[in-house]
Protein backbone atom coordinates (compact mmCIF):
# COMPACT_ATOMS: atom_id res chain seq x y z
CA MET A 1 -10.71 19.43 -108.98
CA ARG A 2 -12.53 17.99 -105.99
CA ARG A 3 -13.90 20.90 -103.97
CA PRO A 4 -16.43 19.93 -101.30
CA PHE A 5 -16.67 23.65 -100.46
CA SER A 6 -15.83 26.73 -102.45
CA LEU A 7 -12.78 28.67 -101.38
CA VAL A 8 -14.96 31.52 -100.16
CA THR A 9 -17.08 29.14 -98.10
CA LEU A 10 -14.01 27.63 -96.47
CA LEU A 11 -12.43 30.98 -95.74
CA LEU A 12 -15.58 32.36 -94.22
CA ALA A 13 -16.33 29.20 -92.29
CA ALA A 14 -12.78 29.07 -90.98
CA VAL A 15 -13.37 32.08 -88.81
CA ALA A 16 -15.60 29.92 -86.65
CA VAL A 17 -12.49 28.63 -84.90
CA VAL A 18 -12.21 31.98 -83.09
CA PRO A 19 -13.29 31.48 -79.47
CA ALA A 20 -16.68 32.80 -78.46
CA GLY A 21 -16.49 36.24 -76.91
CA ALA A 22 -13.10 36.97 -78.49
CA ALA A 23 -12.20 40.49 -79.58
CA PRO A 24 -13.16 41.48 -83.14
CA LEU A 25 -10.91 40.08 -85.82
CA ALA A 26 -9.79 43.53 -86.88
CA HIS A 27 -10.24 47.27 -86.63
CA ARG A 28 -12.41 48.65 -89.47
CA GLU A 29 -12.82 52.13 -90.84
CA VAL A 30 -13.65 53.87 -94.12
CA LEU A 31 -11.09 56.33 -95.42
CA ALA A 32 -12.02 59.71 -96.89
CA ASN A 33 -11.90 58.45 -100.49
CA GLY A 34 -14.06 55.40 -99.77
CA ILE A 35 -11.43 52.71 -99.17
CA ARG A 36 -12.55 50.25 -96.51
CA LEU A 37 -9.54 49.55 -94.29
CA LEU A 38 -9.28 46.56 -91.96
CA VAL A 39 -6.25 46.19 -89.70
CA ALA A 40 -5.41 43.19 -87.53
CA PRO A 41 -2.25 43.95 -85.52
CA ARG A 42 -0.08 40.90 -84.82
CA PRO A 43 3.02 42.31 -83.06
CA ALA A 44 4.69 38.93 -82.71
CA ILE A 45 4.64 38.27 -86.46
CA PRO A 46 7.41 40.07 -88.41
CA ILE A 47 5.74 39.53 -91.79
CA VAL A 48 3.04 41.94 -92.93
CA ALA A 49 0.37 40.51 -95.24
CA LEU A 50 -1.86 42.86 -97.19
CA ARG A 51 -4.81 42.02 -99.40
CA MET A 52 -6.59 44.59 -101.53
CA SER A 53 -9.76 43.75 -103.40
CA LEU A 54 -11.68 45.74 -106.01
CA ARG A 55 -15.01 45.08 -107.71
CA ALA A 56 -13.18 44.55 -110.98
CA GLY A 57 -13.67 40.86 -111.67
CA SER A 58 -15.05 39.03 -114.67
CA ALA A 59 -18.63 39.85 -113.62
CA VAL A 60 -18.05 43.34 -115.05
CA ASP A 61 -16.44 42.19 -118.29
CA PRO A 62 -18.09 43.85 -121.30
CA PRO A 63 -20.39 41.31 -123.01
CA ASP A 64 -18.22 41.35 -126.12
CA ALA A 65 -14.90 41.08 -124.23
CA PRO A 66 -14.84 38.13 -121.82
CA GLY A 67 -11.45 37.89 -120.13
CA LEU A 68 -10.77 41.64 -120.04
CA ALA A 69 -10.83 41.87 -116.23
CA ASN A 70 -8.44 38.96 -115.96
CA LEU A 71 -6.04 40.37 -118.55
CA THR A 72 -6.05 43.78 -116.85
CA ALA A 73 -5.20 42.23 -113.49
CA GLU A 74 -2.45 40.10 -115.02
CA LEU A 75 -0.82 43.16 -116.60
CA LEU A 76 -0.72 45.38 -113.50
CA THR A 77 2.73 44.15 -112.46
CA ARG A 78 4.19 44.20 -115.97
CA GLY A 79 5.19 47.85 -115.99
CA THR A 80 4.48 51.17 -114.28
CA ALA A 81 5.37 54.81 -114.88
CA LYS A 82 8.56 54.22 -112.82
CA ARG A 83 9.54 50.61 -113.43
CA THR A 84 9.40 47.91 -116.05
CA GLY A 85 7.91 44.52 -115.22
CA PRO A 86 11.35 42.95 -114.63
CA ASP A 87 12.32 45.94 -112.45
CA LEU A 88 9.22 45.37 -110.30
CA ASP A 89 10.06 41.70 -110.00
CA ARG A 90 13.62 42.41 -108.93
CA ALA A 91 12.60 45.05 -106.39
CA ILE A 92 10.20 42.82 -104.49
CA GLU A 93 12.32 39.69 -104.81
CA PHE A 94 15.40 41.52 -103.48
CA VAL A 95 13.69 41.87 -100.09
CA GLY A 96 12.23 38.36 -100.19
CA GLY A 97 8.68 39.64 -100.58
CA ALA A 98 5.82 38.89 -102.94
CA LEU A 99 3.53 41.14 -104.96
CA GLU A 100 0.84 39.37 -106.96
CA THR A 101 -2.41 40.16 -108.74
CA ASP A 102 -5.35 37.94 -109.54
CA ALA A 103 -8.90 38.18 -110.88
CA SER A 104 -11.96 36.15 -109.88
CA ARG A 105 -15.61 36.34 -110.86
CA ASP A 106 -16.47 39.02 -108.34
CA GLY A 107 -13.29 41.04 -108.07
CA MET A 108 -9.56 41.40 -108.46
CA THR A 109 -6.98 41.13 -105.71
CA VAL A 110 -3.56 42.64 -105.14
CA SER A 111 -1.56 40.62 -102.60
CA LEU A 112 1.52 41.88 -100.81
CA ALA A 113 3.73 40.07 -98.29
CA VAL A 114 6.90 41.65 -96.88
CA LEU A 115 8.92 41.82 -93.70
CA LYS A 116 7.95 44.75 -91.50
CA LYS A 117 11.23 46.53 -92.28
CA ASP A 118 10.39 46.44 -96.00
CA LEU A 119 6.78 47.57 -95.69
CA ASP A 120 7.43 51.04 -97.12
CA LEU A 121 8.94 49.55 -100.28
CA GLY A 122 6.10 47.06 -100.57
CA LEU A 123 3.46 49.78 -100.27
CA ASP A 124 5.30 51.95 -102.80
CA LEU A 125 5.23 49.09 -105.31
CA LEU A 126 1.59 48.35 -104.59
CA ALA A 127 0.62 51.97 -105.20
CA GLU A 128 2.61 52.00 -108.44
CA VAL A 129 0.97 48.96 -109.96
CA LEU A 130 -2.46 50.06 -108.82
CA LEU A 131 -2.34 53.72 -109.89
CA THR A 132 0.23 54.02 -112.66
CA PRO A 133 0.36 50.81 -114.72
CA THR A 134 1.48 51.42 -118.32
CA PHE A 135 0.21 48.18 -119.90
CA PRO A 136 3.09 47.88 -122.42
CA GLU A 137 1.93 46.49 -125.74
CA GLU A 138 4.69 43.86 -125.85
CA GLU A 139 3.75 42.63 -122.36
CA LEU A 140 0.08 42.51 -123.37
CA ARG A 141 0.83 40.35 -126.41
CA ARG A 142 3.00 38.04 -124.29
CA LYS A 143 0.33 37.72 -121.62
CA VAL A 144 -2.39 37.09 -124.22
CA ALA A 145 -0.25 34.27 -125.64
CA GLU A 146 0.14 32.76 -122.15
CA ILE A 147 -3.61 32.90 -121.48
CA ASP A 148 -4.32 31.44 -124.92
CA ALA A 149 -1.99 28.51 -124.25
CA ALA A 150 -3.54 27.91 -120.82
CA LEU A 151 -7.07 27.93 -122.25
CA ARG A 152 -6.07 25.44 -124.96
CA ARG A 153 -4.45 23.17 -122.37
CA SER A 154 -7.58 23.34 -120.23
CA GLU A 155 -9.54 21.74 -123.06
CA GLU A 156 -7.67 18.55 -122.15
CA ASN A 157 -8.95 18.75 -118.56
CA PRO A 158 -12.45 17.22 -118.37
CA GLU A 159 -13.25 18.96 -115.08
CA ALA A 160 -12.42 22.36 -116.55
CA VAL A 161 -14.49 21.59 -119.64
CA ALA A 162 -17.44 20.39 -117.54
CA GLY A 163 -17.20 23.34 -115.18
CA ARG A 164 -17.35 25.88 -117.99
CA ALA A 165 -20.28 24.08 -119.60
CA LEU A 166 -22.20 23.89 -116.32
CA ALA A 167 -21.68 27.61 -115.69
CA ARG A 168 -23.23 28.34 -119.09
CA LEU A 169 -26.29 26.29 -118.13
CA ILE A 170 -26.74 27.55 -114.56
CA TYR A 171 -26.00 31.20 -115.29
CA ALA A 172 -27.40 31.54 -118.80
CA GLY A 173 -27.58 35.22 -119.76
CA HIS A 174 -25.53 36.35 -116.72
CA PRO A 175 -21.85 37.39 -116.58
CA TYR A 176 -21.08 34.35 -114.42
CA ALA A 177 -21.73 32.23 -117.51
CA HIS A 178 -18.44 33.12 -119.15
CA PRO A 179 -15.01 31.91 -117.98
CA ILE A 180 -12.93 34.28 -115.86
CA ALA A 181 -10.04 34.00 -118.32
CA GLY A 182 -12.36 34.42 -121.31
CA THR A 183 -12.12 32.24 -124.39
CA VAL A 184 -9.41 31.74 -126.97
CA GLU A 185 -11.42 33.84 -129.40
CA SER A 186 -12.29 36.67 -127.01
CA VAL A 187 -8.83 37.03 -125.47
CA GLY A 188 -7.21 37.13 -128.90
CA ARG A 189 -9.28 40.20 -129.76
CA LEU A 190 -8.47 42.22 -126.64
CA THR A 191 -6.53 45.44 -127.13
CA ARG A 192 -4.47 47.77 -124.99
CA ASP A 193 -7.10 50.48 -125.39
CA GLN A 194 -9.71 48.16 -123.84
CA VAL A 195 -7.40 47.37 -120.93
CA VAL A 196 -6.70 51.06 -120.27
CA ALA A 197 -10.43 51.89 -120.40
CA PHE A 198 -11.30 49.00 -118.07
CA HIS A 199 -8.67 50.11 -115.56
CA ARG A 200 -9.95 53.68 -115.67
CA ALA A 201 -13.57 52.61 -115.15
CA TYR A 202 -13.28 49.89 -112.51
CA TYR A 203 -10.15 50.56 -110.47
CA ARG A 204 -11.68 53.00 -108.02
CA PRO A 205 -11.30 53.56 -104.27
CA ASP A 206 -15.01 53.41 -103.47
CA THR A 207 -15.06 49.67 -104.29
CA ALA A 208 -11.72 48.93 -102.62
CA THR A 209 -11.10 46.94 -99.45
CA ILE A 210 -7.64 46.70 -97.88
CA ALA A 211 -6.88 44.17 -95.14
CA VAL A 212 -3.54 44.38 -93.35
CA VAL A 213 -2.31 41.78 -90.87
CA GLY A 214 1.01 41.69 -89.02
CA ASP A 215 3.37 43.85 -87.01
CA VAL A 216 1.55 47.14 -87.64
CA THR A 217 -0.64 49.56 -85.75
CA VAL A 218 -3.85 51.08 -86.99
CA ASP A 219 -2.41 54.59 -86.92
CA GLU A 220 0.74 53.78 -88.85
CA ILE A 221 -1.00 51.77 -91.57
CA ARG A 222 -3.70 54.42 -91.94
CA ALA A 223 -1.00 57.05 -92.43
CA ALA A 224 1.01 54.85 -94.79
CA ILE A 225 -2.01 54.10 -96.97
CA GLY A 226 -3.04 57.75 -96.89
CA ARG A 227 0.35 58.95 -98.16
CA ARG A 228 0.16 56.66 -101.16
CA LEU A 229 -3.53 56.34 -101.96
CA GLY A 230 -5.06 59.39 -100.30
CA GLY A 231 -5.13 61.26 -103.63
CA TRP A 232 -6.87 58.43 -105.43
CA THR A 233 -10.38 59.66 -106.18
CA ALA A 234 -13.47 57.90 -107.46
CA PRO A 235 -15.25 58.89 -110.66
CA ALA A 236 -18.34 61.04 -110.22
CA SER A 237 -20.65 58.29 -111.45
CA PRO A 238 -21.41 55.32 -109.19
CA PRO A 239 -19.91 51.90 -109.93
CA PRO A 240 -21.84 50.02 -112.63
CA ALA A 241 -24.33 47.60 -111.12
CA VAL A 242 -24.15 43.85 -111.75
CA PRO A 243 -27.51 42.05 -111.91
CA LEU A 244 -28.20 39.07 -109.71
CA ALA A 245 -27.92 35.69 -111.37
CA PRO A 246 -31.13 33.72 -111.94
CA ALA A 247 -32.36 32.16 -108.70
CA GLN A 248 -34.65 29.62 -110.33
CA PRO A 249 -33.23 26.63 -112.17
CA SER A 250 -33.62 26.22 -115.90
CA VAL A 251 -32.88 22.55 -116.46
CA ALA A 252 -30.74 21.54 -119.42
CA THR A 253 -28.44 18.66 -120.39
CA GLU A 254 -25.15 18.77 -122.28
CA LYS A 255 -22.89 15.92 -123.35
CA ILE A 256 -19.36 16.68 -124.52
CA THR A 257 -17.46 13.96 -126.31
CA ARG A 258 -13.85 13.33 -125.37
CA ASP A 259 -11.82 10.20 -126.04
CA LEU A 260 -11.31 9.32 -122.38
CA THR A 261 -11.40 6.11 -120.38
CA GLN A 262 -13.48 7.76 -117.65
CA ALA A 263 -16.30 10.27 -117.57
CA THR A 264 -16.78 13.46 -115.56
CA VAL A 265 -20.34 14.36 -114.62
CA TYR A 266 -21.53 17.62 -113.06
CA LEU A 267 -25.05 18.25 -111.84
CA GLY A 268 -25.83 21.83 -110.90
CA ARG A 269 -28.45 24.45 -110.15
CA PRO A 270 -28.67 27.89 -108.51
CA GLY A 271 -28.17 27.86 -104.74
CA VAL A 272 -28.60 30.62 -102.16
CA ARG A 273 -26.40 33.58 -101.32
CA HIS A 274 -25.13 34.74 -97.95
CA GLY A 275 -27.92 36.43 -96.04
CA ASP A 276 -30.64 34.12 -97.29
CA PRO A 277 -32.46 32.42 -94.37
CA ASP A 278 -31.83 29.07 -96.04
CA TYR A 279 -28.06 29.53 -96.31
CA PHE A 280 -26.97 27.85 -93.09
CA PRO A 281 -29.44 24.94 -93.29
CA LEU A 282 -28.32 24.36 -96.88
CA LEU A 283 -24.66 24.50 -95.84
CA VAL A 284 -25.35 21.70 -93.35
CA ALA A 285 -27.43 19.74 -95.87
CA ASN A 286 -24.65 20.00 -98.42
CA TYR A 287 -22.11 18.60 -95.99
CA ILE A 288 -24.36 15.65 -95.15
CA LEU A 289 -24.92 14.95 -98.84
CA GLY A 290 -21.40 15.22 -100.19
CA GLY A 291 -19.09 17.30 -98.00
CA GLY A 292 -16.63 14.67 -96.85
CA SER A 293 -15.67 11.00 -96.51
CA ALA A 294 -18.61 10.36 -94.16
CA SER A 295 -21.13 11.91 -96.56
CA ARG A 296 -23.95 10.01 -98.20
CA LEU A 297 -22.60 10.37 -101.72
CA TYR A 298 -19.12 9.19 -100.72
CA THR A 299 -20.49 6.29 -98.70
CA HIS A 300 -23.17 5.00 -101.07
CA VAL A 301 -21.76 5.87 -104.49
CA ARG A 302 -18.04 5.32 -103.94
CA GLU A 303 -17.50 3.06 -100.95
CA GLU A 304 -20.47 0.68 -101.07
CA ARG A 305 -21.07 0.54 -104.83
CA GLY A 306 -17.63 1.36 -106.23
CA LEU A 307 -19.27 3.51 -108.87
CA ALA A 308 -17.02 6.59 -108.71
CA TYR A 309 -13.39 7.52 -108.24
CA SER A 310 -14.50 10.75 -106.62
CA VAL A 311 -17.93 12.13 -105.73
CA TYR A 312 -18.90 15.23 -103.78
CA SER A 313 -21.30 18.14 -103.53
CA SER A 314 -20.53 21.82 -103.04
CA LEU A 315 -22.31 25.06 -102.25
CA SER A 316 -20.51 28.01 -103.86
CA PRO A 317 -21.85 31.46 -102.96
CA GLY A 318 -20.89 34.57 -104.90
CA LEU A 319 -21.71 38.25 -104.69
CA TYR A 320 -24.27 38.03 -107.47
CA GLY A 321 -25.36 34.41 -107.40
CA SER A 322 -24.75 30.96 -105.97
CA SER A 323 -24.54 27.40 -107.22
CA LEU A 324 -25.10 23.91 -105.89
CA THR A 325 -23.01 21.27 -107.63
CA VAL A 326 -22.73 17.50 -107.44
CA GLY A 327 -19.67 16.14 -109.20
CA LEU A 328 -18.41 12.65 -109.88
CA GLN A 329 -15.84 10.82 -111.97
CA THR A 330 -16.46 7.26 -113.00
CA ARG A 331 -15.82 4.61 -115.63
CA VAL A 332 -17.54 5.34 -118.93
CA GLU A 333 -19.66 2.20 -118.66
CA ALA A 334 -20.77 3.10 -115.12
CA VAL A 335 -22.02 6.64 -115.81
CA ASP A 336 -25.74 5.88 -115.91
CA GLU A 337 -25.71 3.82 -112.72
CA ALA A 338 -23.50 6.27 -110.83
CA VAL A 339 -25.73 9.19 -111.74
CA ARG A 340 -28.86 7.22 -110.86
CA VAL A 341 -27.53 6.41 -107.39
CA ALA A 342 -26.32 9.98 -106.84
CA ARG A 343 -29.70 11.40 -107.83
CA GLY A 344 -31.36 8.90 -105.51
CA GLU A 345 -29.29 10.16 -102.58
CA MET A 346 -30.15 13.75 -103.46
CA ALA A 347 -33.87 12.95 -103.49
CA ARG A 348 -33.65 10.95 -100.26
CA MET A 349 -32.28 13.99 -98.43
CA GLY A 350 -35.66 15.69 -98.71
CA GLN A 351 -37.85 12.62 -98.42
CA GLN A 352 -36.62 10.86 -95.29
CA PRO A 353 -35.80 12.15 -91.79
CA ILE A 354 -32.22 13.27 -91.22
CA ASP A 355 -30.36 11.00 -88.84
CA ALA A 356 -29.41 12.74 -85.59
CA ARG A 357 -25.86 11.40 -85.78
CA GLU A 358 -25.40 12.76 -89.32
CA LEU A 359 -26.68 16.14 -88.26
CA SER A 360 -24.43 16.28 -85.21
CA LEU A 361 -21.37 15.25 -87.22
CA ALA A 362 -22.01 17.85 -89.89
CA LYS A 363 -22.54 20.68 -87.43
CA SER A 364 -19.51 19.69 -85.36
CA TYR A 365 -17.33 19.64 -88.45
CA LEU A 366 -18.58 22.95 -89.78
CA ILE A 367 -18.11 24.68 -86.44
CA GLY A 368 -14.87 23.18 -85.29
CA SER A 369 -12.77 21.61 -88.01
CA PHE A 370 -11.71 23.32 -91.21
CA PRO A 371 -8.75 22.79 -93.56
CA LEU A 372 -8.10 26.51 -93.67
CA ARG A 373 -7.35 28.04 -90.32
CA LEU A 374 -6.43 31.47 -89.11
CA ASP A 375 -2.88 30.30 -88.54
CA THR A 376 -1.07 32.72 -90.87
CA SER A 377 -1.32 36.42 -91.55
CA ARG A 378 -2.18 35.70 -95.17
CA LYS A 379 -5.15 33.56 -94.22
CA VAL A 380 -6.43 36.14 -91.77
CA ALA A 381 -6.23 38.81 -94.48
CA ASP A 382 -8.13 36.56 -96.90
CA VAL A 383 -10.86 35.98 -94.33
CA LEU A 384 -11.18 39.69 -93.62
CA ILE A 385 -11.58 40.46 -97.31
CA GLY A 386 -14.30 37.83 -97.59
CA ILE A 387 -16.15 39.11 -94.55
CA GLU A 388 -16.06 42.69 -95.81
CA ASP A 389 -16.94 41.94 -99.43
CA TYR A 390 -19.94 39.87 -98.38
CA GLY A 391 -21.02 42.40 -95.76
CA LEU A 392 -20.97 39.81 -92.98
CA GLY A 393 -19.64 42.01 -90.18
CA LEU A 394 -16.67 41.46 -87.91
CA ASP A 395 -18.87 39.51 -85.49
CA TYR A 396 -19.26 36.82 -88.15
CA PRO A 397 -17.30 34.16 -86.19
CA GLU A 398 -19.90 34.16 -83.42
CA HIS A 399 -22.76 34.52 -85.89
CA PHE A 400 -21.55 31.53 -87.91
CA ARG A 401 -21.26 29.33 -84.85
CA SER A 402 -24.69 30.39 -83.61
CA GLU A 403 -26.47 29.90 -86.93
CA VAL A 404 -24.96 26.49 -87.66
CA GLY A 405 -25.76 25.42 -84.11
CA LYS A 406 -29.43 26.33 -84.61
CA VAL A 407 -29.91 24.15 -87.70
CA SER A 408 -32.35 21.32 -87.00
CA ALA A 409 -33.10 18.08 -88.80
CA ALA A 410 -36.36 19.64 -89.96
CA ASP A 411 -34.44 22.61 -91.41
CA VAL A 412 -32.17 20.29 -93.36
CA ALA A 413 -35.07 18.26 -94.71
CA ARG A 414 -36.92 21.43 -95.72
CA VAL A 415 -34.06 22.96 -97.70
CA ALA A 416 -33.09 19.59 -99.17
CA ALA A 417 -36.59 19.12 -100.55
CA ARG A 418 -36.41 22.55 -102.11
CA TYR A 419 -32.84 22.75 -103.38
CA LEU A 420 -31.59 19.17 -103.74
CA ASP A 421 -34.45 17.81 -105.84
CA PRO A 422 -32.50 16.14 -108.69
CA ALA A 423 -35.20 17.13 -111.18
CA THR A 424 -34.10 20.77 -110.76
CA PHE A 425 -30.45 20.11 -111.67
CA SER A 426 -28.87 20.61 -115.07
CA SER A 427 -26.24 18.07 -116.09
CA VAL A 428 -23.01 18.01 -118.03
CA THR A 429 -21.17 14.84 -119.00
CA VAL A 430 -17.68 14.85 -120.48
CA GLY A 431 -16.42 11.56 -121.84
CA LYS A 432 -16.63 8.99 -124.58
């Protein structure tokens, strides 16, 4: 999949469309049991969108059980102490709402969307799946079979295969190295007892963030959450710590043979996380290199030379690590030349002065034009979760605009020389 920016990067960057000097995006407070609550009242919008995130993603999978976090999240809506999975489905669908769960590397998310008049029902269902899931054995076996089938199908997708291989190289020895969904072998070994133990250990209010956007007030949503989750208490021990991923590259090469008419190539290395002084200069450098149709990679590799069907670069920050990736798809016979030209563009970023027009275009795009906007309650809730989880503060819109605006050509050249040196990138090639 072509992703010039990670989803998190786009969501966080999207808040830059908020006018300077605007009121904070939301009200924030910490409830008595540790839940971080963010509320963005939108009286004119009859739909209420709620996002809840927990530090219960694949980064905390036990080393011998990759995929456990994902399986646990998938099973939350498949049965509670009050309702079966089909009963839950019927209850939320009857009011035209949605209740979904998902796991990522850094956390898991419960998503709720309902009309204001059905908010009480939606919150009741959310509390049920969060606090009293029963993890029925038959549902577990069915879900394991679904994940197994999806993993086997993904072996036919060269981008998925390359992405998993690159993660193993970039994040060797770190939890980010294993797939979120696990592997066919690891998922097949997972048991209900492991799921129950994982839920007990990692589903805790002191790592929870709830963002609510729509026709609500702070007082009413605080009270509504308190009635349902106020008795939810955290274990006495603190949440288990996740180590940071390696910051220095360890260069390796992997070639994976597939009988395909084209090849997929990924080049990657550790990047920088939010809060690093180099983050914003590197964000701008990444856009100039491969962030869009005016980028150097797109222009020189695809348009001028015709060496790739798609080519891009991305900066993907996470809670515990970050990656820089250059990806391209090309004809099998053109792989060597396409990679040579791409590596040449990467090196040139740190060796030659950055053109003022390129810099201006990149900064203008990053500040003012994003594919994900704050035009729906759901998107606002997603942005709020990202801001809170990364500790960016509700003034992040103004901070983002200010920091991108400060980036100079010298800043871009400096970080490019440090982070875009092609000799520091591992590579994965999938093809014949």
